[in-house]
């Protein structure tokens, strides 16, 4: 779908790009709306546009993938923290254990999601082949 160009304004795709960045970087919707310079109604109308929704989903997906990668890199450190806590007979570091557990749970969840994604892709491929 080709984005429209509104008279005397920047092309819609450029506005969409700015909106996606603002949505992903802002802490609140109101902050994002201020940065974008549009009303909530306009933003919701943009979300109804498949081109905007696709752009937003792809950008958000890249951000989530990068975040998961960062979490996975913390896995060894979390394991080490758990190991240190388990080996320290005098310590009661509930905070460390809680943080380490959170990181490990996130890693396992992301692994489960990744596996589900691959299974869905395989099913979609089978469905496409069957419909030929």
C-alpha atoms as a PDB file:
ATOM      1  CA  UNK A   1       0.000   0.000   0.000  1.00  0.00           C
ATOM      2  CA  UNK A   2       1.426   3.336  -1.046  1.00  0.00           C
ATOM      3  CA  UNK A   3       1.234   6.088   1.592  1.00  0.00           C
ATOM      4  CA  UNK A   4      -0.634   9.235   0.683  1.00  0.00           C
ATOM      5  CA  UNK A   5       0.825  12.722   0.476  1.00  0.00           C
ATOM      6  CA  UNK A   6      -1.211  15.487   2.048  1.00  0.00           C
ATOM      7  CA  UNK A   7      -1.097  18.922   0.398  1.00  0.00           C
ATOM      8  CA  UNK A   8       1.488  21.239   2.021  1.00  0.00           C
ATOM      9  CA  UNK A   9       2.596  18.656   4.610  1.00  0.00           C
ATOM     10  CA  UNK A  10       5.334  16.120   4.784  1.00  0.00           C
ATOM     11  CA  UNK A  11       4.571  12.778   3.113  1.00  0.00           C
ATOM     12  CA  UNK A  12       2.505  10.445   5.246  1.00  0.00           C
ATOM     13  CA  UNK A  13       5.273   7.848   5.425  1.00  0.00           C
ATOM     14  CA  UNK A  14       7.615  10.405   7.018  1.00  0.00           C
ATOM     15  CA  UNK A  15       4.918  11.310   9.555  1.00  0.00           C
ATOM     16  CA  UNK A  16       4.341   7.613  10.203  1.00  0.00           C
ATOM     17  CA  UNK A  17       8.061   7.102  10.796  1.00  0.00           C
ATOM     18  CA  UNK A  18       8.165   9.989  13.283  1.00  0.00           C
ATOM     19  CA  UNK A  19       5.057   8.652  15.009  1.00  0.00           C
ATOM     20  CA  UNK A  20       6.475   5.155  15.380  1.00  0.00           C
ATOM     21  CA  UNK A  21       9.708   6.496  16.876  1.00  0.00           C
ATOM     22  CA  UNK A  22       7.760   8.712  19.273  1.00  0.00           C
ATOM     23  CA  UNK A  23       5.473   5.849  20.326  1.00  0.00           C
ATOM     24  CA  UNK A  24       8.399   3.539  21.026  1.00  0.00           C
ATOM     25  CA  UNK A  25      10.513   6.134  22.845  1.00  0.00           C
ATOM     26  CA  UNK A  26       7.865   7.968  24.890  1.00  0.00           C
ATOM     27  CA  UNK A  27       6.813   6.909  28.355  1.00  0.00           C
ATOM     28  CA  UNK A  28       3.184   7.877  27.841  1.00  0.00           C
ATOM     29  CA  UNK A  29       0.759   8.239  24.974  1.00  0.00           C
ATOM     30  CA  UNK A  30       0.385  11.945  25.746  1.00  0.00           C
ATOM     31  CA  UNK A  31       4.148  12.438  25.433  1.00  0.00           C
ATOM     32  CA  UNK A  32       4.133  10.605  22.113  1.00  0.00           C
ATOM     33  CA  UNK A  33       1.217  12.705  20.847  1.00  0.00           C
ATOM     34  CA  UNK A  34       3.081  15.898  21.774  1.00  0.00           C
ATOM     35  CA  UNK A  35       6.183  14.733  19.931  1.00  0.00           C
ATOM     36  CA  UNK A  36       4.184  13.694  16.873  1.00  0.00           C
ATOM     37  CA  UNK A  37       2.044  16.798  16.892  1.00  0.00           C
ATOM     38  CA  UNK A  38      -1.282  15.096  16.197  1.00  0.00           C
ATOM     39  CA  UNK A  39      -4.453  14.397  18.134  1.00  0.00           C
ATOM     40  CA  UNK A  40      -5.346  11.067  19.691  1.00  0.00           C
ATOM     41  CA  UNK A  41      -8.096  10.699  17.077  1.00  0.00           C
ATOM     42  CA  UNK A  42      -5.584  11.109  14.258  1.00  0.00           C
ATOM     43  CA  UNK A  43      -3.216   8.588  15.812  1.00  0.00           C
ATOM     44  CA  UNK A  44      -6.010   6.041  16.216  1.00  0.00           C
ATOM     45  CA  UNK A  45      -7.003   6.646  12.588  1.00  0.00           C
ATOM     46  CA  UNK A  46      -3.383   5.942  11.608  1.00  0.00           C
ATOM     47  CA  UNK A  47      -3.495   2.672  13.536  1.00  0.00           C
ATOM     48  CA  UNK A  48      -6.427   1.688  11.309  1.00  0.00           C
ATOM     49  CA  UNK A  49      -4.170   2.157   8.252  1.00  0.00           C
ATOM     50  CA  UNK A  50      -2.503  -1.185   7.408  1.00  0.00           C
ATOM     51  CA  UNK A  51       0.669   0.627   6.242  1.00  0.00           C
ATOM     52  CA  UNK A  52       1.075   2.374   9.615  1.00  0.00           C
ATOM     53  CA  UNK A  53       0.178  -0.712  11.618  1.00  0.00           C
ATOM     54  CA  UNK A  54       2.720  -2.791   9.682  1.00  0.00           C
ATOM     55  CA  UNK A  55       5.426  -0.157  10.167  1.00  0.00           C
ATOM     56  CA  UNK A  56       4.683   0.047  13.906  1.00  0.00           C
ATOM     57  CA  UNK A  57       4.583  -3.721  14.384  1.00  0.00           C
ATOM     58  CA  UNK A  58       7.861  -4.260  12.525  1.00  0.00           C
ATOM     59  CA  UNK A  59       9.624  -1.519  14.528  1.00  0.00           C
ATOM     60  CA  UNK A  60       8.233  -2.816  17.807  1.00  0.00           C
ATOM     61  CA  UNK A  61       9.268  -6.344  16.842  1.00  0.00           C
ATOM     62  CA  UNK A  62      12.847  -5.203  16.198  1.00  0.00           C
ATOM     63  CA  UNK A  63      12.894  -3.446  19.569  1.00  0.00           C
ATOM     64  CA  UNK A  64      11.576  -6.522  21.373  1.00  0.00           C
ATOM     65  CA  UNK A  65      14.095  -8.754  19.598  1.00  0.00           C
ATOM     66  CA  UNK A  66      16.949  -6.472  20.651  1.00  0.00           C
ATOM     67  CA  UNK A  67      15.655  -6.421  24.228  1.00  0.00           C
ATOM     68  CA  UNK A  68      15.440 -10.216  24.324  1.00  0.00           C
ATOM     69  CA  UNK A  69      19.015 -10.392  23.058  1.00  0.00           C
ATOM     70  CA  UNK A  70      20.159  -8.134  25.870  1.00  0.00           C
ATOM     71  CA  UNK A  71      18.287 -10.256  28.413  1.00  0.00           C
ATOM     72  CA  UNK A  72      19.807 -13.434  27.026  1.00  0.00           C
ATOM     73  CA  UNK A  73      23.273 -11.949  27.407  1.00  0.00           C
ATOM     74  CA  UNK A  74      22.495 -11.488  31.109  1.00  0.00           C
ATOM     75  CA  UNK A  75      21.687 -15.166  31.525  1.00  0.00           C
ATOM     76  CA  UNK A  76      25.190 -16.233  32.501  1.00  0.00           C
ATOM     77  CA  UNK A  77      25.449 -13.334  34.940  1.00  0.00           C
ATOM     78  CA  UNK A  78      22.102 -14.270  36.491  1.00  0.00           C
ATOM     79  CA  UNK A  79      23.256 -17.861  36.853  1.00  0.00           C
ATOM     80  CA  UNK A  80      26.449 -16.656  38.509  1.00  0.00           C
ATOM     81  CA  UNK A  81      24.449 -14.506  40.933  1.00  0.00           C
ATOM     82  CA  UNK A  82      22.262 -17.474  41.808  1.00  0.00           C
ATOM     83  CA  UNK A  83      25.341 -19.640  42.227  1.00  0.00           C
ATOM     84  CA  UNK A  84      26.977 -17.060  44.503  1.00  0.00           C
ATOM     85  CA  UNK A  85      23.827 -16.795  46.596  1.00  0.00           C
ATOM     86  CA  UNK A  86      23.516 -20.539  46.849  1.00  0.00           C
ATOM     87  CA  UNK A  87      27.189 -20.853  47.836  1.00  0.00           C
ATOM     88  CA  UNK A  88      27.110 -18.011  50.403  1.00  0.00           C
ATOM     89  CA  UNK A  89      25.986 -19.616  53.668  1.00  0.00           C
ATOM     90  CA  UNK A  90      25.857 -16.298  55.549  1.00  0.00           C
ATOM     91  CA  UNK A  91      23.931 -14.201  53.031  1.00  0.00           C
ATOM     92  CA  UNK A  92      20.211 -13.641  52.659  1.00  0.00           C
ATOM     93  CA  UNK A  93      20.217 -11.734  49.373  1.00  0.00           C
ATOM     94  CA  UNK A  94      16.554 -12.017  48.380  1.00  0.00           C
ATOM     95  CA  UNK A  95      16.932  -9.086  46.008  1.00  0.00           C
ATOM     96  CA  UNK A  96      19.678 -10.778  44.010  1.00  0.00           C
ATOM     97  CA  UNK A  97      17.765 -14.028  43.849  1.00  0.00           C
ATOM     98  CA  UNK A  98      14.618 -12.245  42.763  1.00  0.00           C
ATOM     99  CA  UNK A  99      16.445 -10.343  40.013  1.00  0.00           C
ATOM    100  CA  UNK A 100      18.270 -13.435  38.812  1.00  0.00           C
ATOM    101  CA  UNK A 101      15.019 -15.409  38.769  1.00  0.00           C
ATOM    102  CA  UNK A 102      13.337 -12.679  36.744  1.00  0.00           C
ATOM    103  CA  UNK A 103      16.071 -12.684  34.108  1.00  0.00           C
ATOM    104  CA  UNK A 104      16.003 -16.465  33.831  1.00  0.00           C
ATOM    105  CA  UNK A 105      12.211 -16.534  33.578  1.00  0.00           C
ATOM    106  CA  UNK A 106      12.358 -13.968  30.782  1.00  0.00           C
ATOM    107  CA  UNK A 107      14.944 -16.027  28.918  1.00  0.00           C
ATOM    108  CA  UNK A 108      12.827 -19.161  29.181  1.00  0.00           C
ATOM    109  CA  UNK A 109       9.696 -17.279  28.119  1.00  0.00           C
ATOM    110  CA  UNK A 110      11.458 -15.809  25.096  1.00  0.00           C
ATOM    111  CA  UNK A 111      12.695 -19.288  24.179  1.00  0.00           C
ATOM    112  CA  UNK A 112       9.161 -20.668  24.428  1.00  0.00           C
ATOM    113  CA  UNK A 113       7.825 -17.833  22.280  1.00  0.00           C
ATOM    114  CA  UNK A 114      10.569 -18.380  19.729  1.00  0.00           C
ATOM    115  CA  UNK A 115       9.690 -22.074  19.559  1.00  0.00           C
ATOM    116  CA  UNK A 116       6.007 -21.270  19.125  1.00  0.00           C
ATOM    117  CA  UNK A 117       6.829 -18.779  16.380  1.00  0.00           C
ATOM    118  CA  UNK A 118       8.800 -21.410  14.477  1.00  0.00           C
ATOM    119  CA  UNK A 119       6.010 -23.964  14.876  1.00  0.00           C
ATOM    120  CA  UNK A 120       3.443 -21.463  13.590  1.00  0.00           C
ATOM    121  CA  UNK A 121       5.668 -20.624  10.621  1.00  0.00           C
ATOM    122  CA  UNK A 122       5.992 -24.338   9.833  1.00  0.00           C
ATOM    123  CA  UNK A 123       2.215 -24.785  10.005  1.00  0.00           C
ATOM    124  CA  UNK A 124       1.690 -21.766   7.747  1.00  0.00           C
ATOM    125  CA  UNK A 125       4.138 -23.225   5.234  1.00  0.00           C
ATOM    126  CA  UNK A 126       2.312 -26.558   5.280  1.00  0.00           C
ATOM    127  CA  UNK A 127      -1.008 -24.767   4.815  1.00  0.00           C
ATOM    128  CA  UNK A 128       0.331 -22.794   1.833  1.00  0.00           C
ATOM    129  CA  UNK A 129       1.706 -25.948   0.217  1.00  0.00           C
ATOM    130  CA  UNK A 130      -1.583 -27.780   0.772  1.00  0.00           C
ATOM    131  CA  UNK A 131      -3.596 -24.967  -0.831  1.00  0.00           C
ATOM    132  CA  UNK A 132      -1.576 -25.052  -4.082  1.00  0.00           C
END
